[in-house]
Amino acid sequence: MTLSREELFDTLSSHLVEMFEVPSDKISLSARLYEDLDLDSIDAVDLIVKLQEISGKRIKPEVFKLVRTVEDVIDCMENILAE
């Protein structure tokens, strides 16, 4: 499955709105997951599970620990989908 950065952003945005009730106007590439979007560690785990469903691949928790912004999530997803 190959998705463009824009498609990854759109997919991620819709999940953030749907799963965590994040206002869509707060979601940008530079938005910080914890500080700007008010996600917590449990939300991060839920997000990883959702991303694994989308990609069909396992995401290592240590890889996701480095993720801080929406753009980091997209970079992570691109790397996983490229494997």
PDB file of N, CA and C in Angstrom:
ATOM      1  N   MET A   1       0.843  -1.172   0.000  1.00  0.00           N
ATOM      2  CA  MET A   1       0.000   0.000   0.000  1.00  0.00           C
ATOM      3  C   MET A   1       0.893   1.240   0.000  1.00  0.00           C
ATOM      4  N   THR A   2       0.674   2.125  -0.945  1.00  0.00           N
ATOM      5  CA  THR A   2       1.447   3.355  -1.022  1.00  0.00           C
ATOM      6  C   THR A   2       0.497   4.536  -0.880  1.00  0.00           C
ATOM      7  N   LEU A   3       0.779   5.346   0.119  1.00  0.00           N
ATOM      8  CA  LEU A   3      -0.017   6.547   0.338  1.00  0.00           C
ATOM      9  C   LEU A   3       0.904   7.755   0.256  1.00  0.00           C
ATOM     10  N   SER A   4       0.407   8.831  -0.309  1.00  0.00           N
ATOM     11  CA  SER A   4       1.193  10.068  -0.349  1.00  0.00           C
ATOM     12  C   SER A   4       1.208  10.688   1.049  1.00  0.00           C
ATOM     13  N   ARG A   5       2.096  11.641   1.264  1.00  0.00           N
ATOM     14  CA  ARG A   5       2.132  12.347   2.553  1.00  0.00           C
ATOM     15  C   ARG A   5       0.780  13.006   2.837  1.00  0.00           C
ATOM     16  N   GLU A   6       0.178  13.548   1.787  1.00  0.00           N
ATOM     17  CA  GLU A   6      -1.119  14.210   1.957  1.00  0.00           C
ATOM     18  C   GLU A   6      -2.188  13.207   2.392  1.00  0.00           C
ATOM     19  N   GLU A   7      -2.180  12.025   1.771  1.00  0.00           N
ATOM     20  CA  GLU A   7      -3.146  10.990   2.143  1.00  0.00           C
ATOM     21  C   GLU A   7      -2.899  10.508   3.575  1.00  0.00           C
ATOM     22  N   LEU A   8      -1.625  10.372   3.946  1.00  0.00           N
ATOM     23  CA  LEU A   8      -1.302   9.975   5.318  1.00  0.00           C
ATOM     24  C   LEU A   8      -1.785  11.037   6.302  1.00  0.00           C
ATOM     25  N   PHE A   9      -1.562  12.306   5.973  1.00  0.00           N
ATOM     26  CA  PHE A   9      -2.005  13.404   6.838  1.00  0.00           C
ATOM     27  C   PHE A   9      -3.532  13.391   6.974  1.00  0.00           C
ATOM     28  N   ASP A  10      -4.229  13.226   5.852  1.00  0.00           N
ATOM     29  CA  ASP A  10      -5.698  13.203   5.879  1.00  0.00           C
ATOM     30  C   ASP A  10      -6.218  12.035   6.713  1.00  0.00           C
ATOM     31  N   THR A  11      -5.605  10.881   6.535  1.00  0.00           N
ATOM     32  CA  THR A  11      -6.008   9.691   7.291  1.00  0.00           C
ATOM     33  C   THR A  11      -5.761   9.892   8.780  1.00  0.00           C
ATOM     34  N   LEU A  12      -4.561  10.362   9.103  1.00  0.00           N
ATOM     35  CA  LEU A  12      -4.211  10.600  10.499  1.00  0.00           C
ATOM     36  C   LEU A  12      -5.138  11.645  11.113  1.00  0.00           C
ATOM     37  N   SER A  13      -5.392  12.715  10.386  1.00  0.00           N
ATOM     38  CA  SER A  13      -6.267  13.778  10.888  1.00  0.00           C
ATOM     39  C   SER A  13      -7.655  13.246  11.201  1.00  0.00           C
ATOM     40  N   SER A  14      -8.200  12.459  10.281  1.00  0.00           N
ATOM     41  CA  SER A  14      -9.557  11.948  10.509  1.00  0.00           C
ATOM     42  C   SER A  14      -9.595  11.029  11.731  1.00  0.00           C
ATOM     43  N   HIS A  15      -8.534  10.254  11.957  1.00  0.00           N
ATOM     44  CA  HIS A  15      -8.491   9.380  13.135  1.00  0.00           C
ATOM     45  C   HIS A  15      -8.334  10.189  14.418  1.00  0.00           C
ATOM     46  N   LEU A  16      -7.543  11.250  14.377  1.00  0.00           N
ATOM     47  CA  LEU A  16      -7.388  12.093  15.564  1.00  0.00           C
ATOM     48  C   LEU A  16      -8.714  12.742  15.947  1.00  0.00           C
ATOM     49  N   VAL A  17      -9.464  13.173  14.938  1.00  0.00           N
ATOM     50  CA  VAL A  17     -10.773  13.797  15.191  1.00  0.00           C
ATOM     51  C   VAL A  17     -11.756  12.744  15.715  1.00  0.00           C
ATOM     52  N   GLU A  18     -11.799  11.600  15.022  1.00  0.00           N
ATOM     53  CA  GLU A  18     -12.741  10.531  15.350  1.00  0.00           C
ATOM     54  C   GLU A  18     -12.466   9.888  16.703  1.00  0.00           C
ATOM     55  N   MET A  19     -11.216   9.495  16.928  1.00  0.00           N
ATOM     56  CA  MET A  19     -10.859   8.714  18.108  1.00  0.00           C
ATOM     57  C   MET A  19     -10.671   9.565  19.361  1.00  0.00           C
ATOM     58  N   PHE A  20     -10.126  10.775  19.195  1.00  0.00           N
ATOM     59  CA  PHE A  20      -9.731  11.563  20.360  1.00  0.00           C
ATOM     60  C   PHE A  20     -10.432  12.918  20.441  1.00  0.00           C
ATOM     61  N   GLU A  21     -11.377  13.149  19.523  1.00  0.00           N
ATOM     62  CA  GLU A  21     -12.142  14.392  19.498  1.00  0.00           C
ATOM     63  C   GLU A  21     -11.246  15.634  19.448  1.00  0.00           C
ATOM     64  N   VAL A  22     -10.159  15.520  18.695  1.00  0.00           N
ATOM     65  CA  VAL A  22      -9.268  16.665  18.492  1.00  0.00           C
ATOM     66  C   VAL A  22      -9.924  17.580  17.461  1.00  0.00           C
ATOM     67  N   PRO A  23     -10.067  18.867  17.769  1.00  0.00           N
ATOM     68  CA  PRO A  23     -10.631  19.783  16.766  1.00  0.00           C
ATOM     69  C   PRO A  23      -9.743  19.810  15.522  1.00  0.00           C
ATOM     70  N   SER A  24     -10.343  19.641  14.360  1.00  0.00           N
ATOM     71  CA  SER A  24      -9.546  19.537  13.124  1.00  0.00           C
ATOM     72  C   SER A  24      -8.698  20.778  12.870  1.00  0.00           C
ATOM     73  N   ASP A  25      -9.140  21.942  13.361  1.00  0.00           N
ATOM     74  CA  ASP A  25      -8.348  23.153  13.128  1.00  0.00           C
ATOM     75  C   ASP A  25      -7.065  23.194  13.954  1.00  0.00           C
ATOM     76  N   LYS A  26      -6.927  22.292  14.931  1.00  0.00           N
ATOM     77  CA  LYS A  26      -5.697  22.222  15.731  1.00  0.00           C
ATOM     78  C   LYS A  26      -4.648  21.307  15.090  1.00  0.00           C
ATOM     79  N   ILE A  27      -5.059  20.527  14.079  1.00  0.00           N
ATOM     80  CA  ILE A  27      -4.166  19.528  13.484  1.00  0.00           C
ATOM     81  C   ILE A  27      -3.374  20.151  12.339  1.00  0.00           C
ATOM     82  N   SER A  28      -2.056  20.165  12.517  1.00  0.00           N
ATOM     83  CA  SER A  28      -1.141  20.628  11.472  1.00  0.00           C
ATOM     84  C   SER A  28       0.103  19.750  11.550  1.00  0.00           C
ATOM     85  N   LEU A  29       0.972  19.850  10.564  1.00  0.00           N
ATOM     86  CA  LEU A  29       2.198  19.039  10.581  1.00  0.00           C
ATOM     87  C   LEU A  29       3.031  19.325  11.826  1.00  0.00           C
ATOM     88  N   SER A  30       3.047  20.575  12.264  1.00  0.00           N
ATOM     89  CA  SER A  30       3.894  20.944  13.403  1.00  0.00           C
ATOM     90  C   SER A  30       3.200  20.760  14.751  1.00  0.00           C
ATOM     91  N   ALA A  31       1.920  20.364  14.754  1.00  0.00           N
ATOM     92  CA  ALA A  31       1.194  20.186  16.013  1.00  0.00           C
ATOM     93  C   ALA A  31       1.842  19.077  16.836  1.00  0.00           C
ATOM     94  N   ARG A  32       2.113  19.390  18.105  1.00  0.00           N
ATOM     95  CA  ARG A  32       2.704  18.403  19.015  1.00  0.00           C
ATOM     96  C   ARG A  32       1.580  17.554  19.604  1.00  0.00           C
ATOM     97  N   LEU A  33       1.781  16.245  19.570  1.00  0.00           N
ATOM     98  CA  LEU A  33       0.726  15.320  19.978  1.00  0.00           C
ATOM     99  C   LEU A  33       0.282  15.537  21.417  1.00  0.00           C
ATOM    100  N   TYR A  34       1.241  15.688  22.312  1.00  0.00           N
ATOM    101  CA  TYR A  34       0.907  15.763  23.731  1.00  0.00           C
ATOM    102  C   TYR A  34       0.548  17.182  24.159  1.00  0.00           C
ATOM    103  N   GLU A  35       1.348  18.156  23.758  1.00  0.00           N
ATOM    104  CA  GLU A  35       1.133  19.530  24.209  1.00  0.00           C
ATOM    105  C   GLU A  35      -0.014  20.216  23.465  1.00  0.00           C
ATOM    106  N   ASP A  36      -0.045  20.097  22.144  1.00  0.00           N
ATOM    107  CA  ASP A  36      -1.032  20.837  21.345  1.00  0.00           C
ATOM    108  C   ASP A  36      -2.353  20.090  21.176  1.00  0.00           C
ATOM    109  N   LEU A  37      -2.277  18.762  21.051  1.00  0.00           N
ATOM    110  CA  LEU A  37      -3.483  17.979  20.767  1.00  0.00           C
ATOM    111  C   LEU A  37      -4.027  17.255  22.000  1.00  0.00           C
ATOM    112  N   ASP A  38      -3.352  17.431  23.126  1.00  0.00           N
ATOM    113  CA  ASP A  38      -3.800  16.877  24.411  1.00  0.00           C
ATOM    114  C   ASP A  38      -3.928  15.353  24.426  1.00  0.00           C
ATOM    115  N   LEU A  39      -3.083  14.676  23.675  1.00  0.00           N
ATOM    116  CA  LEU A  39      -3.074  13.212  23.751  1.00  0.00           C
ATOM    117  C   LEU A  39      -2.260  12.803  24.969  1.00  0.00           C
ATOM    118  N   ASP A  40      -2.568  11.639  25.516  1.00  0.00           N
ATOM    119  CA  ASP A  40      -1.754  11.108  26.606  1.00  0.00           C
ATOM    120  C   ASP A  40      -1.166   9.765  26.164  1.00  0.00           C
ATOM    121  N   SER A  41      -0.470   9.102  27.066  1.00  0.00           N
ATOM    122  CA  SER A  41       0.224   7.863  26.679  1.00  0.00           C
ATOM    123  C   SER A  41      -0.758   6.765  26.262  1.00  0.00           C
ATOM    124  N   ILE A  42      -1.927   6.716  26.880  1.00  0.00           N
ATOM    125  CA  ILE A  42      -2.939   5.728  26.492  1.00  0.00           C
ATOM    126  C   ILE A  42      -3.433   6.028  25.070  1.00  0.00           C
ATOM    127  N   ASP A  43      -3.647   7.315  24.785  1.00  0.00           N
ATOM    128  CA  ASP A  43      -4.058   7.713  23.436  1.00  0.00           C
ATOM    129  C   ASP A  43      -3.001   7.311  22.420  1.00  0.00           C
ATOM    130  N   ALA A  44      -1.728   7.470  22.789  1.00  0.00           N
ATOM    131  CA  ALA A  44      -0.642   7.113  21.876  1.00  0.00           C
ATOM    132  C   ALA A  44      -0.684   5.622  21.542  1.00  0.00           C
ATOM    133  N   VAL A  45      -0.951   4.795  22.543  1.00  0.00           N
ATOM    134  CA  VAL A  45      -1.069   3.351  22.314  1.00  0.00           C
ATOM    135  C   VAL A  45      -2.233   3.062  21.372  1.00  0.00           C
ATOM    136  N   ASP A  46      -3.375   3.717  21.607  1.00  0.00           N
ATOM    137  CA  ASP A  46      -4.539   3.535  20.730  1.00  0.00           C
ATOM    138  C   ASP A  46      -4.215   3.957  19.297  1.00  0.00           C
ATOM    139  N   LEU A  47      -3.462   5.038  19.173  1.00  0.00           N
ATOM    140  CA  LEU A  47      -3.076   5.530  17.849  1.00  0.00           C
ATOM    141  C   LEU A  47      -2.156   4.524  17.156  1.00  0.00           C
ATOM    142  N   ILE A  48      -1.218   3.948  17.884  1.00  0.00           N
ATOM    143  CA  ILE A  48      -0.314   2.936  17.316  1.00  0.00           C
ATOM    144  C   ILE A  48      -1.129   1.748  16.801  1.00  0.00           C
ATOM    145  N   VAL A  49      -2.099   1.300  17.594  1.00  0.00           N
ATOM    146  CA  VAL A  49      -2.945   0.176  17.182  1.00  0.00           C
ATOM    147  C   VAL A  49      -3.664   0.507  15.876  1.00  0.00           C
ATOM    148  N   LYS A  50      -4.208   1.720  15.783  1.00  0.00           N
ATOM    149  CA  LYS A  50      -4.923   2.144  14.576  1.00  0.00           C
ATOM    150  C   LYS A  50      -3.972   2.201  13.382  1.00  0.00           C
ATOM    151  N   LEU A  51      -2.772   2.733  13.592  1.00  0.00           N
ATOM    152  CA  LEU A  51      -1.790   2.829  12.507  1.00  0.00           C
ATOM    153  C   LEU A  51      -1.340   1.444  12.041  1.00  0.00           C
ATOM    154  N   GLN A  52      -1.259   0.504  12.974  1.00  0.00           N
ATOM    155  CA  GLN A  52      -0.912  -0.872  12.603  1.00  0.00           C
ATOM    156  C   GLN A  52      -2.016  -1.481  11.747  1.00  0.00           C
ATOM    157  N   GLU A  53      -3.275  -1.179  12.079  1.00  0.00           N
ATOM    158  CA  GLU A  53      -4.401  -1.667  11.264  1.00  0.00           C
ATOM    159  C   GLU A  53      -4.318  -1.092   9.852  1.00  0.00           C
ATOM    160  N   ILE A  54      -4.005   0.194   9.757  1.00  0.00           N
ATOM    161  CA  ILE A  54      -3.925   0.852   8.454  1.00  0.00           C
ATOM    162  C   ILE A  54      -2.790   0.275   7.622  1.00  0.00           C
ATOM    163  N   SER A  55      -1.618   0.117   8.255  1.00  0.00           N
ATOM    164  CA  SER A  55      -0.429  -0.313   7.515  1.00  0.00           C
ATOM    165  C   SER A  55      -0.348  -1.826   7.353  1.00  0.00           C
ATOM    166  N   GLY A  56      -1.014  -2.553   8.238  1.00  0.00           N
ATOM    167  CA  GLY A  56      -0.899  -4.006   8.215  1.00  0.00           C
ATOM    168  C   GLY A  56       0.454  -4.480   8.709  1.00  0.00           C
ATOM    169  N   LYS A  57       1.194  -3.578   9.360  1.00  0.00           N
ATOM    170  CA  LYS A  57       2.530  -3.915   9.870  1.00  0.00           C
ATOM    171  C   LYS A  57       2.638  -3.527  11.327  1.00  0.00           C
ATOM    172  N   ARG A  58       3.518  -4.245  12.011  1.00  0.00           N
ATOM    173  CA  ARG A  58       3.736  -3.970  13.437  1.00  0.00           C
ATOM    174  C   ARG A  58       4.620  -2.732  13.594  1.00  0.00           C
ATOM    175  N   ILE A  59       4.246  -1.879  14.548  1.00  0.00           N
ATOM    176  CA  ILE A  59       5.045  -0.700  14.860  1.00  0.00           C
ATOM    177  C   ILE A  59       5.717  -0.946  16.206  1.00  0.00           C
ATOM    178  N   LYS A  60       7.033  -0.860  16.216  1.00  0.00           N
ATOM    179  CA  LYS A  60       7.778  -1.087  17.455  1.00  0.00           C
ATOM    180  C   LYS A  60       7.575   0.108  18.384  1.00  0.00           C
ATOM    181  N   PRO A  61       7.218  -0.150  19.651  1.00  0.00           N
ATOM    182  CA  PRO A  61       6.977   0.952  20.599  1.00  0.00           C
ATOM    183  C   PRO A  61       8.169   1.905  20.720  1.00  0.00           C
ATOM    184  N   GLU A  62       9.384   1.363  20.646  1.00  0.00           N
ATOM    185  CA  GLU A  62      10.569   2.238  20.778  1.00  0.00           C
ATOM    186  C   GLU A  62      10.693   3.214  19.616  1.00  0.00           C
ATOM    187  N   VAL A  63      10.182   2.837  18.454  1.00  0.00           N
ATOM    188  CA  VAL A  63      10.178   3.748  17.308  1.00  0.00           C
ATOM    189  C   VAL A  63       9.189   4.874  17.555  1.00  0.00           C
ATOM    190  N   PHE A  64       8.036   4.506  18.092  1.00  0.00           N
ATOM    191  CA  PHE A  64       6.985   5.509  18.290  1.00  0.00           C
ATOM    192  C   PHE A  64       7.302   6.446  19.445  1.00  0.00           C
ATOM    193  N   LYS A  65       8.175   6.037  20.374  1.00  0.00           N
ATOM    194  CA  LYS A  65       8.551   6.910  21.496  1.00  0.00           C
ATOM    195  C   LYS A  65       9.236   8.185  21.020  1.00  0.00           C
ATOM    196  N   LEU A  66       9.838   8.140  19.848  1.00  0.00           N
ATOM    197  CA  LEU A  66      10.543   9.296  19.303  1.00  0.00           C
ATOM    198  C   LEU A  66       9.600  10.291  18.634  1.00  0.00           C
ATOM    199  N   VAL A  67       8.354   9.884  18.448  1.00  0.00           N
ATOM    200  CA  VAL A  67       7.375  10.708  17.744  1.00  0.00           C
ATOM    201  C   VAL A  67       6.851  11.806  18.666  1.00  0.00           C
ATOM    202  N   ARG A  68       6.921  13.043  18.186  1.00  0.00           N
ATOM    203  CA  ARG A  68       6.437  14.185  18.974  1.00  0.00           C
ATOM    204  C   ARG A  68       5.372  15.006  18.251  1.00  0.00           C
ATOM    205  N   THR A  69       5.444  15.058  16.921  1.00  0.00           N
ATOM    206  CA  THR A  69       4.520  15.901  16.159  1.00  0.00           C
ATOM    207  C   THR A  69       3.733  15.058  15.154  1.00  0.00           C
ATOM    208  N   VAL A  70       2.733  15.684  14.569  1.00  0.00           N
ATOM    209  CA  VAL A  70       1.949  15.024  13.521  1.00  0.00           C
ATOM    210  C   VAL A  70       2.880  14.633  12.370  1.00  0.00           C
ATOM    211  N   GLU A  71       3.811  15.512  12.018  1.00  0.00           N
ATOM    212  CA  GLU A  71       4.746  15.206  10.936  1.00  0.00           C
ATOM    213  C   GLU A  71       5.617  13.999  11.281  1.00  0.00           C
ATOM    214  N   ASP A  72       6.015  13.864  12.554  1.00  0.00           N
ATOM    215  CA  ASP A  72       6.792  12.691  12.983  1.00  0.00           C
ATOM    216  C   ASP A  72       5.996  11.404  12.751  1.00  0.00           C
ATOM    217  N   VAL A  73       4.700  11.455  13.030  1.00  0.00           N
ATOM    218  CA  VAL A  73       3.845  10.270  12.816  1.00  0.00           C
ATOM    219  C   VAL A  73       3.827   9.917  11.330  1.00  0.00           C
ATOM    220  N   ILE A  74       3.692  10.930  10.490  1.00  0.00           N
ATOM    221  CA  ILE A  74       3.656  10.700   9.039  1.00  0.00           C
ATOM    222  C   ILE A  74       4.995  10.135   8.562  1.00  0.00           C
ATOM    223  N   ASP A  75       6.100  10.679   9.054  1.00  0.00           N
ATOM    224  CA  ASP A  75       7.431  10.147   8.704  1.00  0.00           C
ATOM    225  C   ASP A  75       7.542   8.685   9.121  1.00  0.00           C
ATOM    226  N   CYS A  76       7.090   8.391  10.322  1.00  0.00           N
ATOM    227  CA  CYS A  76       7.118   7.024  10.852  1.00  0.00           C
ATOM    228  C   CYS A  76       6.299   6.098   9.957  1.00  0.00           C
ATOM    229  N   MET A  77       5.112   6.542   9.570  1.00  0.00           N
ATOM    230  CA  MET A  77       4.251   5.725   8.721  1.00  0.00           C
ATOM    231  C   MET A  77       4.887   5.501   7.344  1.00  0.00           C
ATOM    232  N   GLU A  78       5.508   6.543   6.792  1.00  0.00           N
ATOM    233  CA  GLU A  78       6.172   6.374   5.493  1.00  0.00           C
ATOM    234  C   GLU A  78       7.266   5.323   5.582  1.00  0.00           C
ATOM    235  N   ASN A  79       8.051   5.346   6.647  1.00  0.00           N
ATOM    236  CA  ASN A  79       9.130   4.371   6.822  1.00  0.00           C
ATOM    237  C   ASN A  79       8.573   2.957   6.957  1.00  0.00           C
ATOM    238  N   ILE A  80       7.501   2.820   7.717  1.00  0.00           N
ATOM    239  CA  ILE A  80       6.898   1.499   7.910  1.00  0.00           C
ATOM    240  C   ILE A  80       6.320   0.962   6.609  1.00  0.00           C
ATOM    241  N   LEU A  81       5.627   1.826   5.864  1.00  0.00           N
ATOM    242  CA  LEU A  81       5.022   1.395   4.603  1.00  0.00           C
ATOM    243  C   LEU A  81       6.079   1.090   3.543  1.00  0.00           C
ATOM    244  N   ALA A  82       7.260   1.696   3.675  1.00  0.00           N
ATOM    245  CA  ALA A  82       8.334   1.468   2.699  1.00  0.00           C
ATOM    246  C   ALA A  82       9.080   0.160   2.956  1.00  0.00           C
ATOM    247  N   GLU A  83       8.935  -0.399   4.164  1.00  0.00           N
ATOM    248  CA  GLU A  83       9.667  -1.629   4.503  1.00  0.00           C
ATOM    249  C   GLU A  83       9.188  -2.807   3.682  1.00  0.00           C
TER     250      GLU A  83
END
